[in-house]
Amino acid sequence: MPLLGNKTPVVEVKGLSFSYDRDIILDNINLQVDPLDFLAIIGPNGGGKSTLLKLLLGLEKPKQGSVRVFGEAPSKNLSLVGYVPQNTNVNTDFPIKVIEVVLMGHVGEKTPLFGYGKDETACAMGALAQVGMQDFAQSKIGSLSGGQRQRVMIARALCAHPKILILDEPTSSIDINGQKEIYELLKMLNSSITIIVVSHDISVILEYANKAAHINKRLSYHDISDKKSTFHTHGDEEHFCEIELLQMLGSNECNTCEHEENNTQWREEK
């Protein structure tokens, strides 16, 4: 995917630190996300990935440093951010239809006190068409597979016409074919929406992301838009070694990629 030049970043994190009481969760995080980036965030459980998402969504406030979404505090631009949570499990006995779930994405724009109008319904159907689920609009949400439910949740987020789509482990508990379908969908959406994905799936980095961040209290950031020159190969041009990839992403120093200037300060201090 081509880089977009010197455009104003959609997300900018500077000197961010966060802790619960005395337990440091994030330490001096610097991160820039540009328009139409596909950023994959990886790292160990408890490393701070979910906390970073909460900060980007304005659910938590930094102890130090700053978080800006489109140049302002996250709470100022929530309407421009779509969020798909990790857990899409639903009560399969609850009689709610797919179209009704997607329409919930309009809450906050207009109150559904007297029901949704034609415009909201048309928007919801359009969002379902984007994710290939328009034929399931009248189906009960509990009757769908995990991958289908995740598509519906993405459609719900798209109802708000976001400029950024943030997803937390979007393929957990989904079979291999369903995982690939979700990421192909995100790749398609990435032509017009910035994507930020928290995932344990290395294939996201190898096949879809153009930026990668490894978080374990501190952040190691990598531009991987040119994968063939970034990752080692072993005779086969199409082979990228996942072990070397993990070593690179978890390393504070990396000779195979160029780090952004605003991500080097904490390494020098370390």
Protein backbone atom coordinates (compact mmCIF):
# COMPACT_ATOMS: atom_id res chain seq x y z
CA MET A 1 0.00 0.00 0.00
CA PRO A 2 1.54 3.37 -0.97
CA LEU A 3 2.46 5.84 1.71
CA LEU A 4 0.52 9.10 1.77
CA GLY A 5 3.27 11.65 2.24
CA ASN A 6 3.32 14.45 4.80
CA LYS A 7 -0.34 14.59 5.71
CA THR A 8 -1.62 15.54 9.14
CA PRO A 9 -1.63 12.45 11.39
CA VAL A 10 -4.99 11.08 12.43
CA VAL A 11 -3.56 9.85 15.74
CA GLU A 12 -0.60 11.34 17.56
CA VAL A 13 0.67 10.07 20.91
CA LYS A 14 3.55 11.86 22.60
CA GLY A 15 5.36 10.94 25.82
CA LEU A 16 2.35 8.95 27.03
CA SER A 17 2.59 7.25 30.40
CA PHE A 18 -0.23 5.56 32.27
CA SER A 19 -0.48 3.63 35.52
CA TYR A 20 -3.07 2.15 37.84
CA ASP A 21 -1.96 3.28 41.30
CA ARG A 22 1.76 2.40 41.29
CA ASP A 23 1.53 -0.26 38.57
CA ILE A 24 3.02 1.22 35.39
CA ILE A 25 1.06 0.02 32.35
CA LEU A 26 2.47 2.26 29.60
CA ASP A 27 5.79 4.08 29.79
CA ASN A 28 6.72 7.00 27.49
CA ILE A 29 4.76 5.87 24.44
CA ASN A 30 5.24 7.75 21.16
CA LEU A 31 3.14 6.83 18.14
CA GLN A 32 1.93 8.44 14.95
CA VAL A 33 -0.81 7.03 12.71
CA ASP A 34 -1.23 8.63 9.30
CA PRO A 35 -4.32 8.69 7.05
CA LEU A 36 -5.13 5.26 5.58
CA ASP A 37 -2.48 3.47 7.64
CA PHE A 38 -3.19 -0.15 8.56
CA LEU A 39 -1.56 -0.42 11.99
CA ALA A 40 -1.24 -3.80 13.70
CA ILE A 41 -0.57 -3.69 17.45
CA ILE A 42 0.88 -6.82 19.02
CA GLY A 43 2.42 -7.73 22.35
CA PRO A 44 2.06 -10.01 25.38
CA ASN A 45 -1.05 -10.19 27.52
CA GLY A 46 -0.83 -7.47 30.15
CA GLY A 47 1.59 -5.47 28.00
CA GLY A 48 -0.76 -2.49 27.69
CA LYS A 49 -2.50 -3.00 24.32
CA SER A 50 -6.05 -2.70 25.65
CA THR A 51 -5.08 0.25 27.84
CA LEU A 52 -3.72 2.07 24.80
CA LEU A 53 -7.03 1.52 23.00
CA LYS A 54 -8.92 2.95 25.99
CA LEU A 55 -6.71 6.03 25.86
CA LEU A 56 -7.30 6.44 22.11
CA LEU A 57 -11.05 6.16 22.73
CA GLY A 58 -10.97 8.68 25.57
CA LEU A 59 -12.05 6.10 28.16
CA GLU A 60 -8.90 6.77 30.18
CA LYS A 61 -6.74 9.88 30.53
CA PRO A 62 -2.93 9.93 30.37
CA LYS A 63 -0.97 10.41 33.57
CA GLN A 64 1.72 12.10 31.48
CA GLY A 65 2.00 13.07 27.84
CA SER A 66 -0.76 13.56 25.31
CA VAL A 67 -3.12 11.72 22.97
CA ARG A 68 -4.56 13.54 19.97
CA VAL A 69 -7.12 12.23 17.48
CA PHE A 70 -7.40 14.52 14.46
CA GLY A 71 -5.47 17.11 16.46
CA GLU A 72 -7.79 17.17 19.48
CA ALA A 73 -8.50 15.22 22.65
CA PRO A 74 -10.11 11.86 21.80
CA SER A 75 -13.41 12.86 23.41
CA LYS A 76 -13.75 15.71 20.90
CA ASN A 77 -13.74 13.43 17.86
CA LEU A 78 -15.44 10.23 19.00
CA SER A 79 -17.88 10.51 16.09
CA LEU A 80 -14.95 9.95 13.72
CA VAL A 81 -13.86 6.72 15.39
CA GLY A 82 -15.55 3.35 14.98
CA TYR A 83 -14.81 0.68 17.59
CA VAL A 84 -15.30 -3.08 17.35
CA PRO A 85 -14.76 -4.80 20.73
CA GLN A 86 -13.15 -8.19 21.14
CA ASN A 87 -16.10 -10.09 22.55
CA THR A 88 -18.92 -10.54 20.01
CA ASN A 89 -20.62 -13.34 21.91
CA VAL A 90 -24.34 -12.79 22.21
CA ASN A 91 -27.22 -14.50 23.91
CA THR A 92 -28.34 -16.76 21.08
CA ASP A 93 -31.83 -16.85 22.54
CA PHE A 94 -32.22 -13.07 22.44
CA PRO A 95 -34.60 -12.28 19.55
CA ILE A 96 -32.77 -9.38 17.93
CA LYS A 97 -32.28 -9.15 14.19
CA VAL A 98 -29.06 -8.31 12.38
CA ILE A 99 -30.47 -5.05 11.01
CA GLU A 100 -31.45 -3.99 14.55
CA VAL A 101 -27.92 -4.60 15.81
CA VAL A 102 -26.44 -2.50 13.01
CA LEU A 103 -28.94 0.31 13.59
CA MET A 104 -27.50 0.67 17.10
CA GLY A 105 -24.51 2.27 15.43
CA HIS A 106 -26.67 5.38 15.01
CA VAL A 107 -27.15 5.87 18.76
CA GLY A 108 -25.64 9.22 19.64
CA GLU A 109 -26.53 10.80 16.31
CA LYS A 110 -30.31 10.60 16.70
CA THR A 111 -32.40 9.19 19.48
CA PRO A 112 -34.31 6.05 18.44
CA LEU A 113 -37.16 6.95 20.80
CA PHE A 114 -39.73 6.69 18.02
CA GLY A 115 -37.87 4.11 15.95
CA TYR A 116 -35.38 4.52 13.16
CA GLY A 117 -36.30 6.36 9.98
CA LYS A 118 -35.74 5.45 6.34
CA ASP A 119 -32.38 7.22 6.22
CA GLU A 120 -30.99 5.28 9.19
CA THR A 121 -32.28 1.99 7.80
CA ALA A 122 -30.82 2.70 4.37
CA CYS A 123 -27.49 3.53 6.00
CA ALA A 124 -27.55 0.29 8.00
CA MET A 125 -28.31 -1.73 4.87
CA GLY A 126 -25.47 0.02 3.11
CA ALA A 127 -23.10 -0.88 5.93
CA LEU A 128 -24.25 -4.50 5.76
CA ALA A 129 -23.63 -4.48 2.01
CA GLN A 130 -20.08 -3.20 2.65
CA VAL A 131 -19.35 -6.26 4.78
CA GLY A 132 -21.25 -8.72 2.57
CA MET A 133 -24.05 -9.38 5.07
CA GLN A 134 -27.03 -7.64 3.46
CA ASP A 135 -28.78 -10.96 2.80
CA PHE A 136 -28.80 -11.65 6.57
CA ALA A 137 -30.49 -8.39 7.59
CA GLN A 138 -33.62 -10.12 8.90
CA SER A 139 -31.80 -13.07 10.47
CA LYS A 140 -31.45 -13.37 14.23
CA ILE A 141 -27.98 -12.38 15.37
CA GLY A 142 -27.72 -15.53 17.48
CA SER A 143 -28.11 -17.75 14.40
CA LEU A 144 -24.91 -16.48 12.78
CA SER A 145 -21.41 -17.92 12.94
CA GLY A 146 -18.68 -16.10 14.85
CA GLY A 147 -17.23 -14.65 11.64
CA GLN A 148 -20.63 -13.47 10.47
CA ARG A 149 -21.34 -11.82 13.83
CA GLN A 150 -18.01 -10.02 13.62
CA ARG A 151 -18.94 -8.69 10.19
CA VAL A 152 -22.20 -7.40 11.66
CA MET A 153 -20.30 -5.65 14.46
CA ILE A 154 -18.03 -4.02 11.87
CA ALA A 155 -21.14 -2.90 9.96
CA ARG A 156 -22.52 -1.39 13.18
CA ALA A 157 -19.31 0.63 13.58
CA LEU A 158 -19.47 1.74 9.94
CA CYS A 159 -22.92 3.27 10.49
CA ALA A 160 -21.26 6.28 12.11
CA HIS A 161 -19.15 6.87 8.94
CA PRO A 162 -15.86 6.73 10.87
CA LYS A 163 -12.51 7.92 9.57
CA ILE A 164 -10.72 5.48 11.89
CA LEU A 165 -11.78 1.91 12.65
CA ILE A 166 -10.30 0.38 15.82
CA LEU A 167 -10.67 -3.37 16.37
CA ASP A 168 -9.63 -5.38 19.44
CA GLU A 169 -8.74 -8.98 18.52
CA PRO A 170 -11.31 -9.10 15.68
CA THR A 171 -10.67 -12.74 14.81
CA SER A 172 -10.56 -14.37 18.24
CA SER A 173 -12.73 -17.50 18.37
CA ILE A 174 -13.18 -17.48 14.58
CA ASP A 175 -12.05 -20.32 12.31
CA ILE A 176 -9.17 -19.92 9.84
CA ASN A 177 -11.36 -19.21 6.82
CA GLY A 178 -13.39 -16.70 8.79
CA GLN A 179 -10.22 -14.94 9.95
CA LYS A 180 -8.98 -14.49 6.40
CA GLU A 181 -12.37 -13.16 5.32
CA ILE A 182 -12.34 -10.57 8.11
CA TYR A 183 -8.85 -9.35 7.21
CA GLU A 184 -9.68 -9.21 3.51
CA LEU A 185 -12.69 -7.11 4.46
CA LEU A 186 -10.49 -4.78 6.53
CA LYS A 187 -8.05 -4.53 3.62
CA MET A 188 -10.91 -3.40 1.38
CA LEU A 189 -12.16 -0.88 3.97
CA ASN A 190 -8.61 0.43 4.36
CA SER A 191 -8.89 2.10 0.95
CA SER A 192 -10.98 4.80 2.63
CA ILE A 193 -10.61 4.27 6.41
CA THR A 194 -7.58 4.18 8.71
CA ILE A 195 -7.40 0.76 10.42
CA ILE A 196 -5.95 0.03 13.87
CA VAL A 197 -6.04 -3.62 14.90
CA VAL A 198 -4.91 -5.29 18.11
CA SER A 199 -4.13 -8.89 17.27
CA HIS A 200 -2.07 -11.94 18.12
CA ASP A 201 -2.30 -13.08 14.50
CA ILE A 202 1.10 -12.65 12.82
CA SER A 203 -0.50 -12.98 9.37
CA VAL A 204 -2.04 -9.52 9.91
CA ILE A 205 1.46 -8.05 9.88
CA LEU A 206 2.79 -10.23 7.10
CA GLU A 207 -0.11 -9.74 4.70
CA TYR A 208 -2.13 -6.64 5.56
CA ALA A 209 -0.50 -4.04 7.82
CA ASN A 210 1.83 -1.28 6.64
CA LYS A 211 2.78 -0.27 10.20
CA ALA A 212 3.37 -2.45 13.26
CA ALA A 213 3.75 -1.65 16.95
CA HIS A 214 4.91 -4.05 19.64
CA ILE A 215 3.77 -2.99 23.12
CA ASN A 216 5.09 -4.32 26.41
CA LYS A 217 4.84 -1.24 28.64
CA ARG A 218 7.06 0.50 26.09
CA LEU A 219 6.48 0.64 22.36
CA SER A 220 8.64 -0.50 19.48
CA TYR A 221 7.34 0.92 16.20
CA HIS A 222 8.06 -0.24 12.64
CA ASP A 223 7.20 0.95 9.17
CA ILE A 224 6.73 -2.31 7.23
CA SER A 225 5.18 -0.92 4.06
CA ASP A 226 8.07 -2.38 2.04
CA LYS A 227 8.04 -5.90 3.46
CA LYS A 228 10.53 -7.42 1.04
CA SER A 229 13.29 -5.05 2.09
CA THR A 230 12.24 -5.07 5.76
CA PHE A 231 12.04 -8.81 6.49
CA HIS A 232 14.67 -11.45 5.86
CA THR A 233 14.02 -14.04 3.17
CA HIS A 234 15.39 -17.54 2.75
CA GLY A 235 15.71 -18.19 -0.96
CA ASP A 236 12.00 -17.92 -1.67
CA GLU A 237 11.00 -14.31 -2.36
CA GLU A 238 7.53 -14.92 -0.99
CA HIS A 239 8.68 -16.34 2.34
CA PHE A 240 8.84 -14.11 5.41
CA CYS A 241 10.19 -15.72 8.56
CA GLU A 242 7.73 -15.27 11.43
CA ILE A 243 10.38 -15.95 14.09
CA GLU A 244 12.60 -13.17 12.77
CA LEU A 245 9.55 -10.94 12.49
CA LEU A 246 8.70 -11.41 16.17
CA GLN A 247 12.31 -10.80 17.16
CA MET A 248 12.35 -7.61 15.11
CA LEU A 249 9.05 -6.27 16.43
CA GLY A 250 9.96 -6.95 20.04
CA SER A 251 13.40 -5.42 19.74
CA ASN A 252 14.29 -1.92 20.83
CA GLU A 253 16.90 -1.73 18.08
CA CYS A 254 16.33 -2.95 14.54
CA ASN A 255 18.65 -2.68 11.56
CA THR A 256 16.05 -3.85 9.05
CA CYS A 257 13.67 -0.91 9.29
CA GLU A 258 13.71 2.83 9.76
CA HIS A 259 12.19 4.17 12.97
CA GLU A 260 10.31 7.43 13.19
CA GLU A 261 12.22 10.24 14.90
CA ASN A 262 9.58 10.69 17.57
CA ASN A 263 9.96 7.05 18.63
CA THR A 264 13.71 7.11 19.31
CA GLN A 265 13.96 9.32 22.38
CA TRP A 266 12.91 6.72 24.92
CA ARG A 267 15.43 4.21 23.56
CA GLU A 268 18.24 6.74 24.02
CA GLU A 269 17.11 7.39 27.58
CA LYS A 270 16.94 3.66 28.24
